[in-house]
Structure formats: C-alpha cells, structure tokens
Amino acid sequence: MKDNRPKNLELQTIHFPLPAITSILHRISGVIIFVGIAILLYLLAESLRSEQGFANVQQWLTSPLVKFVVWGVLAGLLYHLIAGVKHLIMDTGIGETLQGGINAARIVVVVSVITIIAAGVWIW
C-alpha cells in the first residue's frame, strides 16, 4: 500500500494548539519533578546528617544558583499540579468540547504563571 499523504518533519513549521502545548508542558514538568526530587532529597539528607550538614544546606540555599534550581522544581510542581487538576475536572465531563479545552488551557497558563511568579517572589 502506497501512502501519498504529505509528511512534514520540520518542527519549526508545525503550529500546535494551546491545549497541545499545555499537555506537552505537563509531561515536561513531570520530568522536572522527577529529577528535582533527587536534588531535594539530597539536600534533605545532607541537612539531617549533622549540624554541619544543616549549616551547609543553609549556606547553599543562599546561593542564587541553588535558589534557581529550587524555584525550577517548585515551578514544575506547581504547573504539574494545576494541569493535573484540569485533567481531573475534564475527567468528570466538564470542558470536554474543543472550546472548553482551549479555555481550560488558557486558565492553566494564567494560574500557573501567577503561582510560579509568586513562588519566585517567595524564594527570593
């Protein structure tokens, strides 16, 4: 069987709709959380090891790089949580239409940006 459908493999020319972008970001945020848990567990283990370890973690948390990493993990967690709640709401049958999906994706983006900025202000 010969397939005559056009093939577009240039990702720069593909325009994803907003619900697809939020879905892809939901998966990426899951990976960020997975990797971030290892970093946060290391910091926790180090802080519980001894008084010196606790002091080291306190000192590390004053570093802009460590603050940025913690903020990145927290941002991934916040986005994943908000997008996950959207999926749970859609599983109940609310917003299953095309327009409902677009509106829900917009809400996810707006609420996520607000909470991620608030988390950044809180960390810094």
PDB file of N, CA and C in Angstrom:
ATOM      1  N   MET A   1       0.842  -1.163   0.000  1.00  0.00           N
ATOM      2  CA  MET A   1       0.000   0.000   0.000  1.00  0.00           C
ATOM      3  C   MET A   1       0.899   1.242   0.000  1.00  0.00           C
ATOM      4  N   LYS A   2       0.612   2.132  -0.939  1.00  0.00           N
ATOM      5  CA  LYS A   2       1.406   3.344  -1.058  1.00  0.00           C
ATOM      6  C   LYS A   2       0.718   4.484  -0.307  1.00  0.00           C
ATOM      7  N   ASP A   3       1.492   5.128   0.507  1.00  0.00           N
ATOM      8  CA  ASP A   3       0.974   6.228   1.314  1.00  0.00           C
ATOM      9  C   ASP A   3       1.328   7.542   0.630  1.00  0.00           C
ATOM     10  N   ASN A   4       0.317   8.280   0.167  1.00  0.00           N
ATOM     11  CA  ASN A   4       0.539   9.539  -0.544  1.00  0.00           C
ATOM     12  C   ASN A   4       0.328  10.767   0.329  1.00  0.00           C
ATOM     13  N   ARG A   5       0.176  10.537   1.626  1.00  0.00           N
ATOM     14  CA  ARG A   5      -0.045  11.687   2.499  1.00  0.00           C
ATOM     15  C   ARG A   5       1.234  12.517   2.607  1.00  0.00           C
ATOM     16  N   PRO A   6       1.092  13.826   2.720  1.00  0.00           N
ATOM     17  CA  PRO A   6       2.297  14.660   2.862  1.00  0.00           C
ATOM     18  C   PRO A   6       2.927  14.448   4.230  1.00  0.00           C
ATOM     19  N   LYS A   7       4.235  14.563   4.269  1.00  0.00           N
ATOM     20  CA  LYS A   7       4.965  14.412   5.519  1.00  0.00           C
ATOM     21  C   LYS A   7       5.662  15.732   5.833  1.00  0.00           C
ATOM     22  N   ASN A   8       5.393  16.236   7.014  1.00  0.00           N
ATOM     23  CA  ASN A   8       6.001  17.473   7.464  1.00  0.00           C
ATOM     24  C   ASN A   8       6.842  17.154   8.693  1.00  0.00           C
ATOM     25  N   LEU A   9       8.127  17.066   8.524  1.00  0.00           N
ATOM     26  CA  LEU A   9       9.013  16.730   9.630  1.00  0.00           C
ATOM     27  C   LEU A   9       9.757  17.934  10.177  1.00  0.00           C
ATOM     28  N   GLU A  10       9.471  19.125   9.698  1.00  0.00           N
ATOM     29  CA  GLU A  10      10.105  20.329  10.200  1.00  0.00           C
ATOM     30  C   GLU A  10       9.283  20.864  11.374  1.00  0.00           C
ATOM     31  N   LEU A  11       9.813  20.694  12.580  1.00  0.00           N
ATOM     32  CA  LEU A  11       9.068  21.065  13.776  1.00  0.00           C
ATOM     33  C   LEU A  11       8.846  22.575  13.883  1.00  0.00           C
ATOM     34  N   GLN A  12       9.703  23.367  13.228  1.00  0.00           N
ATOM     35  CA  GLN A  12       9.527  24.815  13.283  1.00  0.00           C
ATOM     36  C   GLN A  12       8.285  25.268  12.511  1.00  0.00           C
ATOM     37  N   THR A  13       7.805  24.470  11.575  1.00  0.00           N
ATOM     38  CA  THR A  13       6.644  24.873  10.780  1.00  0.00           C
ATOM     39  C   THR A  13       5.333  24.332  11.341  1.00  0.00           C
ATOM     40  N   ILE A  14       5.403  23.439  12.324  1.00  0.00           N
ATOM     41  CA  ILE A  14       4.189  22.886  12.913  1.00  0.00           C
ATOM     42  C   ILE A  14       3.702  23.845  13.996  1.00  0.00           C
ATOM     43  N   HIS A  15       2.442  24.205  13.939  1.00  0.00           N
ATOM     44  CA  HIS A  15       1.850  25.104  14.921  1.00  0.00           C
ATOM     45  C   HIS A  15       0.895  24.308  15.793  1.00  0.00           C
ATOM     46  N   PHE A  16       1.313  24.082  17.053  1.00  0.00           N
ATOM     47  CA  PHE A  16       0.487  23.319  17.969  1.00  0.00           C
ATOM     48  C   PHE A  16      -0.578  24.215  18.583  1.00  0.00           C
ATOM     49  N   PRO A  17      -1.788  23.696  18.801  1.00  0.00           N
ATOM     50  CA  PRO A  17      -2.800  24.470  19.530  1.00  0.00           C
ATOM     51  C   PRO A  17      -2.433  24.545  21.008  1.00  0.00           C
ATOM     52  N   LEU A  18      -3.005  25.509  21.706  1.00  0.00           N
ATOM     53  CA  LEU A  18      -2.671  25.727  23.114  1.00  0.00           C
ATOM     54  C   LEU A  18      -2.903  24.490  23.984  1.00  0.00           C
ATOM     55  N   PRO A  19      -4.002  23.741  23.819  1.00  0.00           N
ATOM     56  CA  PRO A  19      -4.149  22.530  24.640  1.00  0.00           C
ATOM     57  C   PRO A  19      -3.016  21.519  24.427  1.00  0.00           C
ATOM     58  N   ALA A  20      -2.493  21.426  23.219  1.00  0.00           N
ATOM     59  CA  ALA A  20      -1.373  20.508  22.964  1.00  0.00           C
ATOM     60  C   ALA A  20      -0.112  21.004  23.659  1.00  0.00           C
ATOM     61  N   ILE A  21       0.107  22.295  23.639  1.00  0.00           N
ATOM     62  CA  ILE A  21       1.284  22.861  24.299  1.00  0.00           C
ATOM     63  C   ILE A  21       1.208  22.632  25.805  1.00  0.00           C
ATOM     64  N   THR A  22       0.024  22.857  26.394  1.00  0.00           N
ATOM     65  CA  THR A  22      -0.104  22.642  27.838  1.00  0.00           C
ATOM     66  C   THR A  22       0.050  21.167  28.181  1.00  0.00           C
ATOM     67  N   SER A  23      -0.373  20.279  27.316  1.00  0.00           N
ATOM     68  CA  SER A  23      -0.205  18.845  27.543  1.00  0.00           C
ATOM     69  C   SER A  23       1.274  18.456  27.498  1.00  0.00           C
ATOM     70  N   ILE A  24       1.995  18.987  26.533  1.00  0.00           N
ATOM     71  CA  ILE A  24       3.433  18.708  26.433  1.00  0.00           C
ATOM     72  C   ILE A  24       4.164  19.274  27.645  1.00  0.00           C
ATOM     73  N   LEU A  25       3.802  20.487  28.066  1.00  0.00           N
ATOM     74  CA  LEU A  25       4.419  21.087  29.247  1.00  0.00           C
ATOM     75  C   LEU A  25       4.104  20.295  30.515  1.00  0.00           C
ATOM     76  N   HIS A  26       2.919  19.673  30.559  1.00  0.00           N
ATOM     77  CA  HIS A  26       2.554  18.837  31.701  1.00  0.00           C
ATOM     78  C   HIS A  26       3.498  17.646  31.801  1.00  0.00           C
ATOM     79  N   ARG A  27       3.831  17.058  30.676  1.00  0.00           N
ATOM     80  CA  ARG A  27       4.769  15.933  30.671  1.00  0.00           C
ATOM     81  C   ARG A  27       6.187  16.394  31.046  1.00  0.00           C
ATOM     82  N   ILE A  28       6.592  17.540  30.508  1.00  0.00           N
ATOM     83  CA  ILE A  28       7.924  18.065  30.818  1.00  0.00           C
ATOM     84  C   ILE A  28       8.027  18.405  32.304  1.00  0.00           C
ATOM     85  N   SER A  29       6.969  18.972  32.867  1.00  0.00           N
ATOM     86  CA  SER A  29       7.002  19.298  34.292  1.00  0.00           C
ATOM     87  C   SER A  29       7.091  18.038  35.140  1.00  0.00           C
ATOM     88  N   GLY A  30       6.513  16.937  34.680  1.00  0.00           N
ATOM     89  CA  GLY A  30       6.661  15.669  35.388  1.00  0.00           C
ATOM     90  C   GLY A  30       8.099  15.207  35.423  1.00  0.00           C
ATOM     91  N   VAL A  31       8.814  15.395  34.321  1.00  0.00           N
ATOM     92  CA  VAL A  31      10.238  15.031  34.283  1.00  0.00           C
ATOM     93  C   VAL A  31      11.035  15.953  35.207  1.00  0.00           C
ATOM     94  N   ILE A  32      10.711  17.231  35.218  1.00  0.00           N
ATOM     95  CA  ILE A  32      11.398  18.182  36.103  1.00  0.00           C
ATOM     96  C   ILE A  32      11.198  17.778  37.565  1.00  0.00           C
ATOM     97  N   ILE A  33       9.983  17.381  37.907  1.00  0.00           N
ATOM     98  CA  ILE A  33       9.705  16.942  39.278  1.00  0.00           C
ATOM     99  C   ILE A  33      10.523  15.693  39.604  1.00  0.00           C
ATOM    100  N   PHE A  34      10.569  14.755  38.671  1.00  0.00           N
ATOM    101  CA  PHE A  34      11.300  13.502  38.888  1.00  0.00           C
ATOM    102  C   PHE A  34      12.773  13.772  39.185  1.00  0.00           C
ATOM    103  N   VAL A  35      13.390  14.633  38.378  1.00  0.00           N
ATOM    104  CA  VAL A  35      14.803  14.963  38.583  1.00  0.00           C
ATOM    105  C   VAL A  35      14.969  15.830  39.836  1.00  0.00           C
ATOM    106  N   GLY A  36      14.040  16.736  40.049  1.00  0.00           N
ATOM    107  CA  GLY A  36      14.129  17.642  41.186  1.00  0.00           C
ATOM    108  C   GLY A  36      14.000  16.947  42.521  1.00  0.00           C
ATOM    109  N   ILE A  37      13.238  15.856  42.559  1.00  0.00           N
ATOM    110  CA  ILE A  37      13.098  15.121  43.811  1.00  0.00           C
ATOM    111  C   ILE A  37      14.455  14.596  44.268  1.00  0.00           C
ATOM    112  N   ALA A  38      15.277  14.143  43.336  1.00  0.00           N
ATOM    113  CA  ALA A  38      16.611  13.654  43.704  1.00  0.00           C
ATOM    114  C   ALA A  38      17.433  14.774  44.330  1.00  0.00           C
ATOM    115  N   ILE A  39      17.358  15.955  43.761  1.00  0.00           N
ATOM    116  CA  ILE A  39      18.114  17.097  44.302  1.00  0.00           C
ATOM    117  C   ILE A  39      17.599  17.474  45.691  1.00  0.00           C
ATOM    118  N   LEU A  40      16.290  17.545  45.829  1.00  0.00           N
ATOM    119  CA  LEU A  40      15.716  17.926  47.115  1.00  0.00           C
ATOM    120  C   LEU A  40      15.968  16.862  48.180  1.00  0.00           C
ATOM    121  N   LEU A  41      15.924  15.587  47.801  1.00  0.00           N
ATOM    122  CA  LEU A  41      16.238  14.528  48.758  1.00  0.00           C
ATOM    123  C   LEU A  41      17.695  14.586  49.201  1.00  0.00           C
ATOM    124  N   TYR A  42      18.585  14.934  48.282  1.00  0.00           N
ATOM    125  CA  TYR A  42      19.993  15.099  48.669  1.00  0.00           C
ATOM    126  C   TYR A  42      20.135  16.225  49.685  1.00  0.00           C
ATOM    127  N   LEU A  43      19.471  17.357  49.432  1.00  0.00           N
ATOM    128  CA  LEU A  43      19.537  18.475  50.372  1.00  0.00           C
ATOM    129  C   LEU A  43      18.958  18.079  51.725  1.00  0.00           C
ATOM    130  N   LEU A  44      17.858  17.337  51.724  1.00  0.00           N
ATOM    131  CA  LEU A  44      17.258  16.888  52.977  1.00  0.00           C
ATOM    132  C   LEU A  44      18.195  15.944  53.724  1.00  0.00           C
ATOM    133  N   ALA A  45      18.766  14.979  53.017  1.00  0.00           N
ATOM    134  CA  ALA A  45      19.673  14.026  53.661  1.00  0.00           C
ATOM    135  C   ALA A  45      20.890  14.739  54.232  1.00  0.00           C
ATOM    136  N   GLU A  46      21.414  15.682  53.498  1.00  0.00           N
ATOM    137  CA  GLU A  46      22.582  16.430  53.975  1.00  0.00           C
ATOM    138  C   GLU A  46      22.231  17.259  55.212  1.00  0.00           C
ATOM    139  N   SER A  47      21.044  17.844  55.217  1.00  0.00           N
ATOM    140  CA  SER A  47      20.658  18.666  56.358  1.00  0.00           C
ATOM    141  C   SER A  47      20.404  17.825  57.607  1.00  0.00           C
ATOM    142  N   LEU A  48      20.029  16.572  57.436  1.00  0.00           N
ATOM    143  CA  LEU A  48      19.759  15.699  58.581  1.00  0.00           C
ATOM    144  C   LEU A  48      20.987  14.930  59.054  1.00  0.00           C
ATOM    145  N   ARG A  49      22.058  14.988  58.295  1.00  0.00           N
ATOM    146  CA  ARG A  49      23.264  14.226  58.617  1.00  0.00           C
ATOM    147  C   ARG A  49      23.930  14.724  59.907  1.00  0.00           C
ATOM    148  N   SER A  50      24.076  16.037  60.033  1.00  0.00           N
ATOM    149  CA  SER A  50      24.730  16.605  61.214  1.00  0.00           C
ATOM    150  C   SER A  50      24.414  18.098  61.276  1.00  0.00           C
ATOM    151  N   GLU A  51      24.880  18.707  62.357  1.00  0.00           N
ATOM    152  CA  GLU A  51      24.695  20.160  62.462  1.00  0.00           C
ATOM    153  C   GLU A  51      25.470  20.880  61.368  1.00  0.00           C
ATOM    154  N   GLN A  52      26.653  20.379  61.053  1.00  0.00           N
ATOM    155  CA  GLN A  52      27.458  20.986  59.986  1.00  0.00           C
ATOM    156  C   GLN A  52      26.764  20.832  58.636  1.00  0.00           C
ATOM    157  N   GLY A  53      26.144  19.655  58.407  1.00  0.00           N
ATOM    158  CA  GLY A  53      25.400  19.442  57.160  1.00  0.00           C
ATOM    159  C   GLY A  53      24.230  20.399  57.037  1.00  0.00           C
ATOM    160  N   PHE A  54      23.541  20.627  58.155  1.00  0.00           N
ATOM    161  CA  PHE A  54      22.437  21.582  58.159  1.00  0.00           C
ATOM    162  C   PHE A  54      22.933  22.985  57.839  1.00  0.00           C
ATOM    163  N   ALA A  55      24.049  23.353  58.434  1.00  0.00           N
ATOM    164  CA  ALA A  55      24.637  24.671  58.167  1.00  0.00           C
ATOM    165  C   ALA A  55      25.064  24.779  56.699  1.00  0.00           C
ATOM    166  N   ASN A  56      25.591  23.696  56.149  1.00  0.00           N
ATOM    167  CA  ASN A  56      25.973  23.702  54.726  1.00  0.00           C
ATOM    168  C   ASN A  56      24.762  23.929  53.833  1.00  0.00           C
ATOM    169  N   VAL A  57      23.668  23.244  54.127  1.00  0.00           N
ATOM    170  CA  VAL A  57      22.458  23.401  53.307  1.00  0.00           C
ATOM    171  C   VAL A  57      21.921  24.815  53.439  1.00  0.00           C
ATOM    172  N   GLN A  58      21.956  25.358  54.639  1.00  0.00           N
ATOM    173  CA  GLN A  58      21.517  26.750  54.816  1.00  0.00           C
ATOM    174  C   GLN A  58      22.366  27.698  53.977  1.00  0.00           C
ATOM    175  N   GLN A  59      23.664  27.439  53.953  1.00  0.00           N
ATOM    176  CA  GLN A  59      24.562  28.289  53.160  1.00  0.00           C
ATOM    177  C   GLN A  59      24.293  28.103  51.670  1.00  0.00           C
ATOM    178  N   TRP A  60      24.096  26.858  51.236  1.00  0.00           N
ATOM    179  CA  TRP A  60      23.824  26.601  49.818  1.00  0.00           C
ATOM    180  C   TRP A  60      22.543  27.290  49.371  1.00  0.00           C
ATOM    181  N   LEU A  61      21.541  27.310  50.257  1.00  0.00           N
ATOM    182  CA  LEU A  61      20.259  27.903  49.879  1.00  0.00           C
ATOM    183  C   LEU A  61      20.315  29.416  49.749  1.00  0.00           C
ATOM    184  N   THR A  62      21.420  30.029  50.125  1.00  0.00           N
ATOM    185  CA  THR A  62      21.580  31.464  49.891  1.00  0.00           C
ATOM    186  C   THR A  62      22.174  31.740  48.509  1.00  0.00           C
ATOM    187  N   SER A  63      22.666  30.700  47.852  1.00  0.00           N
ATOM    188  CA  SER A  63      23.252  30.842  46.518  1.00  0.00           C
ATOM    189  C   SER A  63      22.160  31.058  45.475  1.00  0.00           C
ATOM    190  N   PRO A  64      22.352  32.005  44.551  1.00  0.00           N
ATOM    191  CA  PRO A  64      21.348  32.227  43.502  1.00  0.00           C
ATOM    192  C   PRO A  64      21.121  30.999  42.614  1.00  0.00           C
ATOM    193  N   LEU A  65      22.170  30.218  42.369  1.00  0.00           N
ATOM    194  CA  LEU A  65      22.018  29.024  41.539  1.00  0.00           C
ATOM    195  C   LEU A  65      21.128  27.990  42.219  1.00  0.00           C
ATOM    196  N   VAL A  66      21.344  27.756  43.502  1.00  0.00           N
ATOM    197  CA  VAL A  66      20.526  26.782  44.231  1.00  0.00           C
ATOM    198  C   VAL A  66      19.089  27.299  44.361  1.00  0.00           C
ATOM    199  N   LYS A  67      18.941  28.591  44.601  1.00  0.00           N
ATOM    200  CA  LYS A  67      17.591  29.168  44.646  1.00  0.00           C
ATOM    201  C   LYS A  67      16.875  28.984  43.315  1.00  0.00           C
ATOM    202  N   PHE A  68      17.616  29.164  42.217  1.00  0.00           N
ATOM    203  CA  PHE A  68      17.017  28.995  40.895  1.00  0.00           C
ATOM    204  C   PHE A  68      16.598  27.542  40.670  1.00  0.00           C
ATOM    205  N   VAL A  69      17.428  26.601  41.106  1.00  0.00           N
ATOM    206  CA  VAL A  69      17.088  25.181  40.947  1.00  0.00           C
ATOM    207  C   VAL A  69      15.854  24.841  41.772  1.00  0.00           C
ATOM    208  N   VAL A  70      15.812  25.299  43.005  1.00  0.00           N
ATOM    209  CA  VAL A  70      14.645  25.038  43.863  1.00  0.00           C
ATOM    210  C   VAL A  70      13.408  25.689  43.268  1.00  0.00           C
ATOM    211  N   TRP A  71      13.552  26.894  42.742  1.00  0.00           N
ATOM    212  CA  TRP A  71      12.416  27.570  42.108  1.00  0.00           C
ATOM    213  C   TRP A  71      11.965  26.799  40.865  1.00  0.00           C
ATOM    214  N   GLY A  72      12.907  26.253  40.095  1.00  0.00           N
ATOM    215  CA  GLY A  72      12.547  25.459  38.922  1.00  0.00           C
ATOM    216  C   GLY A  72      11.775  24.211  39.293  1.00  0.00           C
ATOM    217  N   VAL A  73      12.213  23.538  40.350  1.00  0.00           N
ATOM    218  CA  VAL A  73      11.493  22.341  40.798  1.00  0.00           C
ATOM    219  C   VAL A  73      10.107  22.726  41.306  1.00  0.00           C
ATOM    220  N   LEU A  74      10.036  23.805  42.070  1.00  0.00           N
ATOM    221  CA  LEU A  74       8.749  24.271  42.575  1.00  0.00           C
ATOM    222  C   LEU A  74       7.832  24.716  41.432  1.00  0.00           C
ATOM    223  N   ALA A  75       8.398  25.367  40.415  1.00  0.00           N
ATOM    224  CA  ALA A  75       7.603  25.780  39.254  1.00  0.00           C
ATOM    225  C   ALA A  75       7.056  24.555  38.523  1.00  0.00           C
ATOM    226  N   GLY A  76       7.891  23.533  38.349  1.00  0.00           N
ATOM    227  CA  GLY A  76       7.421  22.305  37.713  1.00  0.00           C
ATOM    228  C   GLY A  76       6.312  21.653  38.517  1.00  0.00           C
ATOM    229  N   LEU A  77       6.469  21.643  39.839  1.00  0.00           N
ATOM    230  CA  LEU A  77       5.453  21.055  40.703  1.00  0.00           C
ATOM    231  C   LEU A  77       4.138  21.826  40.629  1.00  0.00           C
ATOM    232  N   LEU A  78       4.224  23.150  40.663  1.00  0.00           N
ATOM    233  CA  LEU A  78       3.013  23.972  40.595  1.00  0.00           C
ATOM    234  C   LEU A  78       2.292  23.791  39.264  1.00  0.00           C
ATOM    235  N   TYR A  79       3.052  23.828  38.163  1.00  0.00           N
ATOM    236  CA  TYR A  79       2.414  23.656  36.859  1.00  0.00           C
ATOM    237  C   TYR A  79       1.782  22.270  36.748  1.00  0.00           C
ATOM    238  N   HIS A  80       2.515  21.255  37.197  1.00  0.00           N
ATOM    239  CA  HIS A  80       2.012  19.884  37.103  1.00  0.00           C
ATOM    240  C   HIS A  80       0.738  19.727  37.937  1.00  0.00           C
ATOM    241  N   LEU A  81       0.717  20.341  39.105  1.00  0.00           N
ATOM    242  CA  LEU A  81      -0.465  20.282  39.963  1.00  0.00           C
ATOM    243  C   LEU A  81      -1.668  20.954  39.302  1.00  0.00           C
ATOM    244  N   ILE A  82      -1.464  22.137  38.769  1.00  0.00           N
ATOM    245  CA  ILE A  82      -2.575  22.881  38.164  1.00  0.00           C
ATOM    246  C   ILE A  82      -3.090  22.173  36.915  1.00  0.00           C
ATOM    247  N   ALA A  83      -2.181  21.697  36.069  1.00  0.00           N
ATOM    248  CA  ALA A  83      -2.606  20.968  34.873  1.00  0.00           C
ATOM    249  C   ALA A  83      -3.259  19.641  35.249  1.00  0.00           C
ATOM    250  N   GLY A  84      -2.780  19.016  36.310  1.00  0.00           N
ATOM    251  CA  GLY A  84      -3.392  17.770  36.764  1.00  0.00           C
ATOM    252  C   GLY A  84      -4.811  17.974  37.262  1.00  0.00           C
ATOM    253  N   VAL A  85      -5.043  19.075  37.974  1.00  0.00           N
ATOM    254  CA  VAL A  85      -6.399  19.404  38.428  1.00  0.00           C
ATOM    255  C   VAL A  85      -7.307  19.632  37.215  1.00  0.00           C
ATOM    256  N   LYS A  86      -6.766  20.287  36.176  1.00  0.00           N
ATOM    257  CA  LYS A  86      -7.553  20.481  34.951  1.00  0.00           C
ATOM    258  C   LYS A  86      -7.949  19.131  34.348  1.00  0.00           C
ATOM    259  N   HIS A  87      -7.003  18.195  34.333  1.00  0.00           N
ATOM    260  CA  HIS A  87      -7.309  16.867  33.780  1.00  0.00           C
ATOM    261  C   HIS A  87      -8.360  16.160  34.626  1.00  0.00           C
ATOM    262  N   LEU A  88      -8.278  16.294  35.944  1.00  0.00           N
ATOM    263  CA  LEU A  88      -9.276  15.675  36.807  1.00  0.00           C
ATOM    264  C   LEU A  88     -10.661  16.271  36.579  1.00  0.00           C
ATOM    265  N   ILE A  89     -10.710  17.581  36.404  1.00  0.00           N
ATOM    266  CA  ILE A  89     -12.001  18.233  36.131  1.00  0.00           C
ATOM    267  C   ILE A  89     -12.542  17.768  34.788  1.00  0.00           C
ATOM    268  N   MET A  90     -11.674  17.660  33.790  1.00  0.00           N
ATOM    269  CA  MET A  90     -12.134  17.204  32.474  1.00  0.00           C
ATOM    270  C   MET A  90     -12.564  15.739  32.513  1.00  0.00           C
ATOM    271  N   ASP A  91     -11.990  14.942  33.416  1.00  0.00           N
ATOM    272  CA  ASP A  91     -12.401  13.546  33.558  1.00  0.00           C
ATOM    273  C   ASP A  91     -13.827  13.422  34.076  1.00  0.00           C
ATOM    274  N   THR A  92     -14.328  14.466  34.739  1.00  0.00           N
ATOM    275  CA  THR A  92     -15.715  14.445  35.211  1.00  0.00           C
ATOM    276  C   THR A  92     -16.696  14.847  34.114  1.00  0.00           C
ATOM    277  N   GLY A  93     -16.185  15.241  32.962  1.00  0.00           N
ATOM    278  CA  GLY A  93     -17.046  15.597  31.838  1.00  0.00           C
ATOM    279  C   GLY A  93     -17.185  17.089  31.617  1.00  0.00           C
ATOM    280  N   ILE A  94     -16.510  17.876  32.419  1.00  0.00           N
ATOM    281  CA  ILE A  94     -16.597  19.339  32.291  1.00  0.00           C
ATOM    282  C   ILE A  94     -15.505  19.808  31.335  1.00  0.00           C
ATOM    283  N   GLY A  95     -15.863  20.573  30.328  1.00  0.00           N
ATOM    284  CA  GLY A  95     -14.892  21.163  29.413  1.00  0.00           C
ATOM    285  C   GLY A  95     -14.321  20.198  28.392  1.00  0.00           C
ATOM    286  N   GLU A  96     -15.096  19.213  27.982  1.00  0.00           N
ATOM    287  CA  GLU A  96     -14.594  18.234  27.017  1.00  0.00           C
ATOM    288  C   GLU A  96     -14.725  18.680  25.563  1.00  0.00           C
ATOM    289  N   THR A  97     -15.375  19.807  25.337  1.00  0.00           N
ATOM    290  CA  THR A  97     -15.509  20.301  23.970  1.00  0.00           C
ATOM    291  C   THR A  97     -14.206  20.969  23.550  1.00  0.00           C
ATOM    292  N   LEU A  98     -14.093  21.265  22.263  1.00  0.00           N
ATOM    293  CA  LEU A  98     -12.890  21.934  21.769  1.00  0.00           C
ATOM    294  C   LEU A  98     -12.709  23.291  22.432  1.00  0.00           C
ATOM    295  N   GLN A  99     -13.765  24.074  22.492  1.00  0.00           N
ATOM    296  CA  GLN A  99     -13.666  25.398  23.122  1.00  0.00           C
ATOM    297  C   GLN A  99     -13.411  25.268  24.619  1.00  0.00           C
ATOM    298  N   GLY A 100     -14.003  24.267  25.254  1.00  0.00           N
ATOM    299  CA  GLY A 100     -13.756  24.039  26.681  1.00  0.00           C
ATOM    300  C   GLY A 100     -12.306  23.687  26.948  1.00  0.00           C
ATOM    301  N   GLY A 101     -11.714  22.888  26.063  1.00  0.00           N
ATOM    302  CA  GLY A 101     -10.296  22.538  26.207  1.00  0.00           C
ATOM    303  C   GLY A 101      -9.391  23.740  26.036  1.00  0.00           C
ATOM    304  N   ILE A 102      -9.736  24.595  25.079  1.00  0.00           N
ATOM    305  CA  ILE A 102      -8.943  25.810  24.864  1.00  0.00           C
ATOM    306  C   ILE A 102      -9.054  26.742  26.065  1.00  0.00           C
ATOM    307  N   ASN A 103     -10.274  26.918  26.572  1.00  0.00           N
ATOM    308  CA  ASN A 103     -10.468  27.778  27.744  1.00  0.00           C
ATOM    309  C   ASN A 103      -9.742  27.223  28.966  1.00  0.00           C
ATOM    310  N   ALA A 104      -9.824  25.914  29.157  1.00  0.00           N
ATOM    311  CA  ALA A 104      -9.132  25.294  30.293  1.00  0.00           C
ATOM    312  C   ALA A 104      -7.617  25.461  30.161  1.00  0.00           C
ATOM    313  N   ALA A 105      -7.093  25.342  28.953  1.00  0.00           N
ATOM    314  CA  ALA A 105      -5.650  25.531  28.743  1.00  0.00           C
ATOM    315  C   ALA A 105      -5.256  26.967  29.057  1.00  0.00           C
ATOM    316  N   ARG A 106      -6.085  27.921  28.671  1.00  0.00           N
ATOM    317  CA  ARG A 106      -5.796  29.321  28.996  1.00  0.00           C
ATOM    318  C   ARG A 106      -5.770  29.546  30.502  1.00  0.00           C
ATOM    319  N   ILE A 107      -6.734  28.957  31.194  1.00  0.00           N
ATOM    320  CA  ILE A 107      -6.795  29.090  32.651  1.00  0.00           C
ATOM    321  C   ILE A 107      -5.552  28.480  33.288  1.00  0.00           C
ATOM    322  N   VAL A 108      -5.140  27.313  32.789  1.00  0.00           N
ATOM    323  CA  VAL A 108      -3.942  26.660  33.324  1.00  0.00           C
ATOM    324  C   VAL A 108      -2.724  27.559  33.156  1.00  0.00           C
ATOM    325  N   VAL A 109      -2.578  28.154  31.996  1.00  0.00           N
ATOM    326  CA  VAL A 109      -1.413  29.012  31.745  1.00  0.00           C
ATOM    327  C   VAL A 109      -1.445  30.234  32.661  1.00  0.00           C
ATOM    328  N   VAL A 110      -2.579  30.891  32.770  1.00  0.00           N
ATOM    329  CA  VAL A 110      -2.676  32.107  33.585  1.00  0.00           C
ATOM    330  C   VAL A 110      -2.426  31.806  35.063  1.00  0.00           C
ATOM    331  N   VAL A 111      -3.115  30.786  35.583  1.00  0.00           N
ATOM    332  CA  VAL A 111      -2.961  30.447  37.002  1.00  0.00           C
ATOM    333  C   VAL A 111      -1.530  29.979  37.282  1.00  0.00           C
ATOM    334  N   SER A 112      -0.953  29.222  36.363  1.00  0.00           N
ATOM    335  CA  SER A 112       0.419  28.739  36.548  1.00  0.00           C
ATOM    336  C   SER A 112       1.414  29.889  36.574  1.00  0.00           C
ATOM    337  N   VAL A 113       1.270  30.823  35.659  1.00  0.00           N
ATOM    338  CA  VAL A 113       2.193  31.973  35.626  1.00  0.00           C
ATOM    339  C   VAL A 113       2.091  32.755  36.929  1.00  0.00           C
ATOM    340  N   ILE A 114       0.885  32.971  37.412  1.00  0.00           N
ATOM    341  CA  ILE A 114       0.699  33.727  38.657  1.00  0.00           C
ATOM    342  C   ILE A 114       1.345  32.994  39.830  1.00  0.00           C
ATOM    343  N   THR A 115       1.091  31.695  39.947  1.00  0.00           N
ATOM    344  CA  THR A 115       1.633  30.949  41.089  1.00  0.00           C
ATOM    345  C   THR A 115       3.152  30.783  41.001  1.00  0.00           C
ATOM    346  N   ILE A 116       3.676  30.616  39.788  1.00  0.00           N
ATOM    347  CA  ILE A 116       5.126  30.471  39.628  1.00  0.00           C
ATOM    348  C   ILE A 116       5.838  31.783  39.951  1.00  0.00           C
ATOM    349  N   ILE A 117       5.268  32.896  39.534  1.00  0.00           N
ATOM    350  CA  ILE A 117       5.852  34.196  39.890  1.00  0.00           C
ATOM    351  C   ILE A 117       5.786  34.407  41.397  1.00  0.00           C
ATOM    352  N   ALA A 118       4.662  34.049  42.021  1.00  0.00           N
ATOM    353  CA  ALA A 118       4.524  34.180  43.470  1.00  0.00           C
ATOM    354  C   ALA A 118       5.557  33.305  44.184  1.00  0.00           C
ATOM    355  N   ALA A 119       5.807  32.115  43.667  1.00  0.00           N
ATOM    356  CA  ALA A 119       6.811  31.229  44.266  1.00  0.00           C
ATOM    357  C   ALA A 119       8.203  31.843  44.127  1.00  0.00           C
ATOM    358  N   GLY A 120       8.486  32.455  42.979  1.00  0.00           N
ATOM    359  CA  GLY A 120       9.768  33.117  42.802  1.00  0.00           C
ATOM    360  C   GLY A 120       9.962  34.274  43.753  1.00  0.00           C
ATOM    361  N   VAL A 121       8.912  35.052  43.972  1.00  0.00           N
ATOM    362  CA  VAL A 121       8.987  36.154  44.935  1.00  0.00           C
ATOM    363  C   VAL A 121       9.226  35.604  46.338  1.00  0.00           C
ATOM    364  N   TRP A 122       8.544  34.500  46.671  1.00  0.00           N
ATOM    365  CA  TRP A 122       8.686  33.894  47.993  1.00  0.00           C
ATOM    366  C   TRP A 122      10.108  33.367  48.211  1.00  0.00           C
ATOM    367  N   ILE A 123      10.689  32.758  47.191  1.00  0.00           N
ATOM    368  CA  ILE A 123      12.044  32.186  47.327  1.00  0.00           C
ATOM    369  C   ILE A 123      13.092  33.285  47.402  1.00  0.00           C
ATOM    370  N   TRP A 124      12.934  34.311  46.576  1.00  0.00           N
ATOM    371  CA  TRP A 124      13.932  35.387  46.586  1.00  0.00           C
ATOM    372  C   TRP A 124      13.485  36.474  47.521  1.00  0.00           C
TER     373      TRP A 124
END
